[in-house]
Amino acid sequence: MINEKVLRIGTDDNNIYYLDDENGYWRKALTLFDGYNDANKIANNIGIKNAEIHFFIDGINKLKDKGFLLVLDKKFTNEKWFERYRSNIFYFNSDKINGIDFQNKLNKISVLIIGVGGGGFTILSHLVSLGVENITVIDFDKVDLSNISRQVLWGEKEVSRDKIDVAEDYFLNKNSKGRIRKLKCNIESVSDIQKYVNDVDWVFSCADDPPYKMQRIVNKACYIANKPVLFSFCQKNNGRYFFMDPAKSGCVDCLFVGTVDEKWYNFILALKNSNFVPQTSATSYTISLLCSIIIQKWIILLQDGKFNNWITRLDFDTLSFTKVTEWYKQKNCPTCGDNNITDNNLLSFFKLMGNIENNDN
């Protein structure tokens, strides 16, 4: 309240609305906006006359349009559900998004997470908190001692346990009525994951080994199933991510077709021939930061449906964002095009990646 005649609605400096309240109606009405009272009942309770009710309804609509008020089609009944997701609902609610409708959408989305290490497990934790109730996880690895330093949710008791079992326990502890499926699998081909990709709405690819080949496998499965996918990577001082709708915006192989040249191919060849295994250079806070940004961008994408055809680089030191690589759908793409590749560097690159269609590599 600014004074007895003016109410300030909102605490965010960028989202404030001032409401004239000379008669004190709105101060009384705000205590009755609980999801159980309709507008006519509230108007009657606070003494608004029938001749003035249209002004009251107009004010309600203005608050709704500003995103300060949720107007329901019917009396609110699921109090436990609302209490659980109250913070989410009011966060999502805006002049364009109905918070309750969007929370219901999140509850119904099904997600596959490929790789539940530092990044994948952190993604899982955010998705469960957001209310995603149907999640499948795939990983073949166990938690080792080095994982603890880059994962805020794991402790010594998780060491030597299968990551998928730890993920299952965490999920069910957060949402006992949700559904989680788990698969212990060392992914070597599209066929290893195809049926799991087919069954979900979204895929989060958080596995990076073997490099490039793993992304190609996930990409092909998502293209076949026409499912959107998130790819992410965490390096020492930066993280990278990109969202794809492979059937529409181009795919990972389109990216390779558009970027692989002689210099790049020779680098990949030298790296593979060296048998060099890079050390993981990540911390719990850099992984958490990257995953939080990824989830925030995913939420925006769910709301506006706009895919960007580029890799985004997040600098952990400056907290700045940069477009790293932009790609477009390629006619000669081996996955979503005609596979009419004549460039020797590209031919050599895809040969070097090996067969992704089956296990006969």
Protein backbone atom coordinates (compact mmCIF):
# COMPACT_ATOMS: atom_id res chain seq x y z
CA MET A 1 0.00 0.00 0.00
CA ILE A 2 1.37 3.43 -0.98
CA ASN A 3 -1.33 5.33 0.94
CA GLU A 4 -4.98 4.85 1.87
CA LYS A 5 -6.08 5.54 -1.70
CA VAL A 6 -3.40 3.79 -3.80
CA LEU A 7 -2.21 0.17 -3.74
CA ARG A 8 1.08 -1.00 -5.18
CA ILE A 9 0.87 -4.49 -6.65
CA GLY A 10 4.15 -6.35 -7.15
CA THR A 11 7.57 -6.40 -5.49
CA ASP A 12 9.72 -6.65 -8.61
CA ASP A 13 11.10 -3.24 -9.65
CA ASN A 14 10.39 -4.09 -13.29
CA ASN A 15 6.85 -5.33 -12.78
CA ILE A 16 4.74 -2.95 -10.67
CA TYR A 17 1.13 -1.87 -10.98
CA TYR A 18 -0.53 0.96 -9.06
CA LEU A 19 -4.20 0.54 -8.33
CA ASP A 20 -6.55 3.37 -7.31
CA ASP A 21 -8.43 2.26 -4.19
CA GLU A 22 -10.22 5.31 -2.89
CA ASN A 23 -13.06 3.25 -1.38
CA GLY A 24 -10.82 0.55 0.06
CA TYR A 25 -12.47 -2.16 -2.03
CA TRP A 26 -9.26 -3.65 -3.39
CA ARG A 27 -7.61 -4.01 0.02
CA LYS A 28 -10.55 -6.18 1.06
CA ALA A 29 -10.80 -8.01 -2.27
CA LEU A 30 -7.15 -9.10 -2.32
CA THR A 31 -7.70 -11.19 0.82
CA LEU A 32 -10.53 -13.07 -0.93
CA PHE A 33 -8.65 -13.96 -4.15
CA ASP A 34 -8.00 -17.53 -3.00
CA GLY A 35 -9.29 -19.64 -5.89
CA TYR A 36 -12.54 -20.51 -4.14
CA ASN A 37 -14.57 -17.30 -4.48
CA ASP A 38 -15.98 -16.04 -7.76
CA ALA A 39 -16.01 -12.36 -8.71
CA ASN A 40 -19.68 -11.81 -7.87
CA LYS A 41 -19.29 -13.35 -4.42
CA ILE A 42 -16.23 -11.23 -3.67
CA ALA A 43 -18.00 -8.07 -4.89
CA ASN A 44 -20.94 -8.82 -2.65
CA ASN A 45 -18.71 -9.50 0.37
CA ILE A 46 -16.84 -6.21 0.08
CA GLY A 47 -19.97 -4.14 -0.54
CA ILE A 48 -19.71 -3.32 -4.24
CA LYS A 49 -23.11 -2.41 -5.65
CA ASN A 50 -24.45 -4.12 -8.77
CA ALA A 51 -24.21 -0.87 -10.71
CA GLU A 52 -20.47 -0.72 -10.00
CA ILE A 53 -19.51 -4.35 -10.49
CA HIS A 54 -18.37 -3.80 -14.09
CA PHE A 55 -15.62 -1.52 -12.77
CA PHE A 56 -14.56 -4.31 -10.40
CA ILE A 57 -14.50 -6.90 -13.22
CA ASP A 58 -12.50 -4.48 -15.35
CA GLY A 59 -9.94 -4.17 -12.56
CA ILE A 60 -9.70 -7.95 -12.22
CA ASN A 61 -9.02 -8.26 -15.95
CA LYS A 62 -6.29 -5.63 -15.77
CA LEU A 63 -4.57 -7.51 -12.94
CA LYS A 64 -4.92 -10.71 -14.95
CA ASP A 65 -3.44 -9.09 -18.08
CA LYS A 66 -0.49 -7.83 -16.03
CA GLY A 67 0.17 -11.35 -14.76
CA PHE A 68 -0.63 -10.48 -11.12
CA LEU A 69 -3.80 -12.54 -10.89
CA LEU A 70 -4.79 -16.04 -11.99
CA VAL A 71 -8.41 -16.24 -13.15
CA LEU A 72 -9.75 -19.79 -13.12
CA ASP A 73 -12.54 -21.26 -15.21
CA LYS A 74 -13.92 -23.07 -12.16
CA LYS A 75 -13.44 -23.20 -8.40
CA PHE A 76 -10.02 -24.43 -7.36
CA THR A 77 -10.18 -27.99 -6.02
CA ASN A 78 -6.69 -29.55 -5.95
CA GLU A 79 -5.28 -27.72 -2.95
CA LYS A 80 -2.41 -30.17 -2.31
CA TRP A 81 -1.20 -29.96 -5.91
CA PHE A 82 -1.40 -26.17 -5.83
CA GLU A 83 0.48 -25.95 -2.55
CA ARG A 84 3.26 -28.14 -3.94
CA TYR A 85 3.74 -26.05 -7.07
CA ARG A 86 2.62 -22.66 -5.76
CA SER A 87 6.02 -20.99 -6.24
CA ASN A 88 6.39 -22.38 -9.76
CA ILE A 89 2.89 -21.30 -10.74
CA PHE A 90 3.34 -17.69 -9.64
CA TYR A 91 6.79 -17.57 -11.23
CA PHE A 92 5.47 -18.76 -14.58
CA ASN A 93 2.32 -16.67 -14.51
CA SER A 94 2.62 -13.55 -16.65
CA ASP A 95 0.71 -11.40 -19.10
CA LYS A 96 1.15 -14.18 -21.70
CA ILE A 97 1.35 -17.40 -19.68
CA ASN A 98 -1.24 -18.93 -17.36
CA GLY A 99 0.84 -20.35 -14.52
CA ILE A 100 -1.56 -23.19 -13.70
CA ASP A 101 -1.84 -24.29 -17.33
CA PHE A 102 1.92 -24.22 -17.75
CA GLN A 103 2.50 -26.21 -14.55
CA ASN A 104 0.04 -28.81 -15.79
CA LYS A 105 2.01 -28.96 -19.04
CA LEU A 106 5.23 -29.62 -17.14
CA ASN A 107 3.56 -32.38 -15.12
CA LYS A 108 2.59 -34.16 -18.34
CA ILE A 109 5.89 -33.85 -20.24
CA SER A 110 8.00 -37.00 -20.51
CA VAL A 111 11.79 -36.70 -20.68
CA LEU A 112 14.73 -38.98 -21.46
CA ILE A 113 18.08 -38.07 -19.87
CA ILE A 114 21.06 -39.76 -21.49
CA GLY A 115 23.91 -39.71 -19.00
CA VAL A 116 23.21 -38.94 -15.33
CA GLY A 117 26.64 -37.82 -14.22
CA GLY A 118 27.36 -34.30 -12.97
CA GLY A 119 25.34 -32.50 -15.63
CA GLY A 120 22.62 -35.09 -16.27
CA PHE A 121 21.88 -35.60 -12.59
CA THR A 122 21.68 -31.85 -12.01
CA ILE A 123 19.27 -31.58 -14.95
CA LEU A 124 17.24 -34.38 -13.37
CA SER A 125 17.06 -32.52 -10.05
CA HIS A 126 15.74 -29.38 -11.74
CA LEU A 127 13.17 -31.29 -13.82
CA VAL A 128 11.78 -33.12 -10.79
CA SER A 129 11.50 -29.86 -8.84
CA LEU A 130 9.69 -28.29 -11.77
CA GLY A 131 7.15 -31.10 -11.68
CA VAL A 132 8.18 -33.32 -14.59
CA GLU A 133 6.68 -36.63 -13.46
CA ASN A 134 7.77 -39.03 -16.21
CA ILE A 135 11.54 -39.42 -16.64
CA THR A 136 13.73 -42.12 -18.17
CA VAL A 137 17.45 -42.25 -17.38
CA ILE A 138 20.20 -44.11 -19.25
CA ASP A 139 23.75 -44.62 -17.99
CA PHE A 140 26.19 -47.51 -17.64
CA ASP A 141 28.53 -46.01 -15.07
CA LYS A 142 28.91 -46.05 -11.31
CA VAL A 143 29.51 -43.10 -9.00
CA ASP A 144 33.21 -42.78 -8.20
CA LEU A 145 35.00 -40.64 -5.65
CA SER A 146 35.83 -37.91 -8.16
CA ASN A 147 32.11 -37.39 -8.88
CA ILE A 148 31.47 -36.05 -5.38
CA SER A 149 33.40 -32.83 -5.92
CA ARG A 150 31.31 -31.80 -8.92
CA GLN A 151 27.88 -33.00 -7.81
CA VAL A 152 26.23 -31.22 -4.89
CA LEU A 153 23.63 -33.97 -4.38
CA TRP A 154 25.99 -36.94 -4.00
CA GLY A 155 27.91 -38.00 -0.93
CA GLU A 156 30.28 -40.78 0.06
CA LYS A 157 27.45 -43.28 0.48
CA GLU A 158 26.71 -43.04 -3.26
CA VAL A 159 30.25 -44.11 -4.29
CA SER A 160 30.26 -47.43 -6.20
CA ARG A 161 26.49 -47.33 -6.75
CA ASP A 162 25.05 -47.33 -10.26
CA LYS A 163 24.22 -43.77 -11.26
CA ILE A 164 20.80 -44.81 -12.53
CA ASP A 165 19.95 -46.28 -9.10
CA VAL A 166 20.99 -43.07 -7.37
CA ALA A 167 18.86 -41.14 -9.86
CA GLU A 168 15.88 -43.39 -9.17
CA ASP A 169 16.18 -42.94 -5.40
CA TYR A 170 16.43 -39.17 -5.75
CA PHE A 171 13.44 -38.98 -8.09
CA LEU A 172 11.15 -41.11 -5.93
CA ASN A 173 12.17 -39.26 -2.78
CA LYS A 174 11.09 -36.00 -4.46
CA ASN A 175 7.97 -37.41 -6.12
CA SER A 176 6.78 -40.80 -4.89
CA LYS A 177 3.87 -40.79 -7.33
CA GLY A 178 6.00 -40.04 -10.39
CA ARG A 179 7.30 -42.55 -12.92
CA ILE A 180 10.98 -43.17 -13.55
CA ARG A 181 12.44 -45.79 -15.86
CA LYS A 182 16.12 -46.69 -15.84
CA LEU A 183 18.40 -48.49 -18.26
CA LYS A 184 21.99 -49.51 -17.62
CA CYS A 185 23.49 -49.37 -21.06
CA ASN A 186 26.76 -48.45 -22.75
CA ILE A 187 25.33 -46.76 -25.83
CA GLU A 188 27.05 -47.86 -29.04
CA SER A 189 24.34 -47.48 -31.68
CA VAL A 190 21.04 -45.86 -32.50
CA SER A 191 19.21 -49.13 -31.84
CA ASP A 192 20.37 -49.07 -28.21
CA ILE A 193 18.21 -46.03 -27.43
CA GLN A 194 15.64 -45.74 -30.23
CA LYS A 195 12.66 -47.21 -28.39
CA TYR A 196 13.32 -44.99 -25.37
CA VAL A 197 13.54 -41.88 -27.54
CA ASN A 198 10.29 -42.91 -29.24
CA ASP A 199 8.44 -42.96 -25.91
CA VAL A 200 9.20 -39.43 -24.66
CA ASP A 201 8.49 -35.82 -25.56
CA TRP A 202 12.01 -34.47 -24.97
CA VAL A 203 15.58 -35.78 -24.88
CA PHE A 204 18.43 -34.29 -22.81
CA SER A 205 21.76 -35.58 -24.08
CA CYS A 206 24.28 -35.19 -21.25
CA ALA A 207 26.70 -37.96 -22.25
CA ASP A 208 29.83 -37.01 -24.17
CA ASP A 209 31.71 -40.27 -24.61
CA PRO A 210 32.65 -41.25 -27.22
CA PRO A 211 32.92 -37.61 -28.35
CA TYR A 212 31.05 -36.63 -31.52
CA LYS A 213 29.88 -40.19 -32.10
CA MET A 214 27.58 -40.08 -29.07
CA GLN A 215 26.00 -36.87 -30.32
CA ARG A 216 25.51 -38.45 -33.76
CA ILE A 217 23.79 -41.49 -32.24
CA VAL A 218 21.40 -39.41 -30.15
CA ASN A 219 20.81 -37.07 -33.07
CA LYS A 220 19.85 -39.90 -35.42
CA ALA A 221 17.46 -41.46 -32.92
CA CYS A 222 15.79 -38.09 -32.31
CA TYR A 223 15.50 -37.44 -36.03
CA ILE A 224 13.85 -40.83 -36.63
CA ALA A 225 11.41 -40.25 -33.77
CA ASN A 226 10.93 -36.54 -34.57
CA LYS A 227 11.78 -35.53 -31.01
CA PRO A 228 13.48 -32.29 -29.84
CA VAL A 229 16.79 -32.64 -28.04
CA LEU A 230 19.20 -30.67 -25.86
CA PHE A 231 22.97 -31.18 -26.13
CA SER A 232 25.31 -29.78 -23.49
CA PHE A 233 29.02 -29.79 -22.64
CA CYS A 234 30.95 -28.44 -19.65
CA GLN A 235 34.58 -27.40 -19.98
CA LYS A 236 37.03 -25.69 -17.65
CA ASN A 237 35.94 -22.06 -18.00
CA ASN A 238 32.86 -22.37 -20.15
CA GLY A 239 29.79 -24.45 -20.86
CA ARG A 240 28.07 -24.96 -24.19
CA TYR A 241 24.57 -26.00 -25.10
CA PHE A 242 22.17 -26.08 -28.02
CA PHE A 243 18.60 -27.18 -28.64
CA MET A 244 17.58 -28.94 -31.84
CA ASP A 245 14.40 -30.00 -33.53
CA PRO A 246 16.23 -32.33 -35.96
CA ALA A 247 13.40 -32.77 -38.44
CA LYS A 248 12.86 -29.02 -38.84
CA SER A 249 15.88 -26.95 -37.88
CA GLY A 250 18.61 -29.24 -39.09
CA CYS A 251 20.53 -31.74 -37.01
CA VAL A 252 23.96 -32.51 -35.54
CA ASP A 253 25.14 -33.96 -38.83
CA CYS A 254 24.02 -30.77 -40.58
CA LEU A 255 26.26 -28.97 -38.10
CA PHE A 256 29.19 -31.22 -38.98
CA VAL A 257 28.57 -30.89 -42.73
CA GLY A 258 28.65 -27.12 -42.39
CA THR A 259 31.73 -26.86 -40.16
CA VAL A 260 34.15 -29.75 -40.73
CA ASP A 261 37.12 -28.68 -42.84
CA GLU A 262 40.65 -30.05 -43.27
CA LYS A 263 42.03 -28.34 -40.16
CA TRP A 264 39.17 -29.51 -37.99
CA TYR A 265 39.32 -33.06 -39.32
CA ASN A 266 43.07 -33.30 -38.74
CA PHE A 267 42.57 -32.14 -35.16
CA ILE A 268 39.94 -34.82 -34.50
CA LEU A 269 42.09 -37.46 -36.18
CA ALA A 270 45.15 -36.53 -34.12
CA LEU A 271 43.08 -36.55 -30.92
CA LYS A 272 41.71 -40.00 -31.63
CA ASN A 273 45.08 -41.47 -32.64
CA SER A 274 46.73 -40.11 -29.50
CA ASN A 275 44.39 -42.08 -27.22
CA PHE A 276 44.47 -39.00 -25.03
CA VAL A 277 41.73 -38.88 -22.42
CA PRO A 278 41.15 -35.29 -21.23
CA GLN A 279 40.79 -34.77 -17.50
CA THR A 280 37.45 -33.49 -16.32
CA SER A 281 37.84 -29.84 -15.37
CA ALA A 282 34.57 -28.92 -13.72
CA THR A 283 33.25 -27.89 -10.34
CA SER A 284 29.90 -28.27 -8.67
CA TYR A 285 29.14 -24.56 -9.11
CA THR A 286 30.05 -24.37 -12.81
CA ILE A 287 27.96 -27.45 -13.59
CA SER A 288 25.06 -26.08 -11.50
CA LEU A 289 25.32 -22.72 -13.25
CA LEU A 290 25.27 -24.26 -16.72
CA CYS A 291 22.38 -26.59 -15.92
CA SER A 292 20.32 -23.78 -14.39
CA ILE A 293 20.75 -21.71 -17.54
CA ILE A 294 19.85 -24.71 -19.71
CA ILE A 295 16.63 -25.33 -17.79
CA GLN A 296 15.71 -21.64 -17.91
CA LYS A 297 16.22 -21.60 -21.69
CA TRP A 298 14.22 -24.82 -22.02
CA ILE A 299 11.31 -23.29 -20.12
CA ILE A 300 11.34 -20.30 -22.48
CA LEU A 301 11.44 -22.65 -25.48
CA LEU A 302 8.43 -24.56 -24.15
CA GLN A 303 6.58 -21.27 -23.95
CA ASP A 304 7.48 -19.72 -27.31
CA GLY A 305 8.51 -22.77 -29.40
CA LYS A 306 11.45 -20.95 -30.99
CA PHE A 307 14.57 -23.00 -31.69
CA ASN A 308 17.85 -21.17 -32.31
CA ASN A 309 20.25 -22.71 -34.81
CA TRP A 310 23.43 -22.06 -32.93
CA ILE A 311 25.61 -23.29 -30.09
CA THR A 312 25.66 -20.93 -27.11
CA ARG A 313 28.82 -20.56 -25.04
CA LEU A 314 28.49 -19.49 -21.41
CA ASP A 315 31.70 -18.02 -20.00
CA PHE A 316 31.91 -18.96 -16.32
CA ASP A 317 34.32 -16.15 -15.52
CA THR A 318 32.42 -13.25 -17.08
CA LEU A 319 28.93 -14.79 -17.10
CA SER A 320 28.60 -13.69 -20.72
CA PHE A 321 26.93 -15.52 -23.60
CA THR A 322 28.38 -15.92 -27.09
CA LYS A 323 27.18 -17.54 -30.30
CA VAL A 324 29.90 -20.08 -31.08
CA THR A 325 28.68 -21.91 -34.17
CA GLU A 326 25.61 -21.39 -36.30
CA TRP A 327 24.26 -24.10 -38.59
CA TYR A 328 21.53 -24.61 -41.16
CA LYS A 329 19.78 -27.63 -42.63
CA GLN A 330 22.12 -29.23 -45.17
CA LYS A 331 20.76 -30.96 -48.29
CA ASN A 332 23.59 -33.52 -48.31
CA CYS A 333 23.34 -34.32 -44.59
CA PRO A 334 23.80 -38.07 -43.95
CA THR A 335 20.96 -38.07 -41.41
CA CYS A 336 18.25 -35.67 -42.61
CA GLY A 337 19.42 -35.12 -46.21
CA ASP A 338 20.35 -37.20 -49.23
CA ASN A 339 23.82 -38.18 -47.93
CA ASN A 340 25.41 -37.03 -51.18
CA ILE A 341 28.74 -36.09 -49.62
CA THR A 342 31.70 -35.53 -51.94
CA ASP A 343 34.07 -33.52 -49.75
CA ASN A 344 36.99 -35.71 -48.74
CA ASN A 345 37.30 -34.20 -45.27
CA LEU A 346 33.64 -34.89 -44.54
CA LEU A 347 33.85 -38.41 -45.92
CA SER A 348 36.90 -39.10 -43.78
CA PHE A 349 35.29 -37.54 -40.71
CA PHE A 350 32.12 -39.63 -40.86
CA LYS A 351 34.20 -42.74 -41.53
CA LEU A 352 36.33 -41.93 -38.51
CA MET A 353 33.21 -41.66 -36.33
CA GLY A 354 32.31 -45.26 -37.20
CA ASN A 355 29.00 -46.95 -37.78
CA ILE A 356 26.19 -45.63 -35.60
CA GLU A 357 23.37 -47.77 -36.98
CA ASN A 358 24.14 -51.04 -35.17
CA ASN A 359 26.69 -52.68 -32.90
CA ASP A 360 28.92 -54.01 -35.67
CA ASN A 361 31.53 -51.26 -35.37
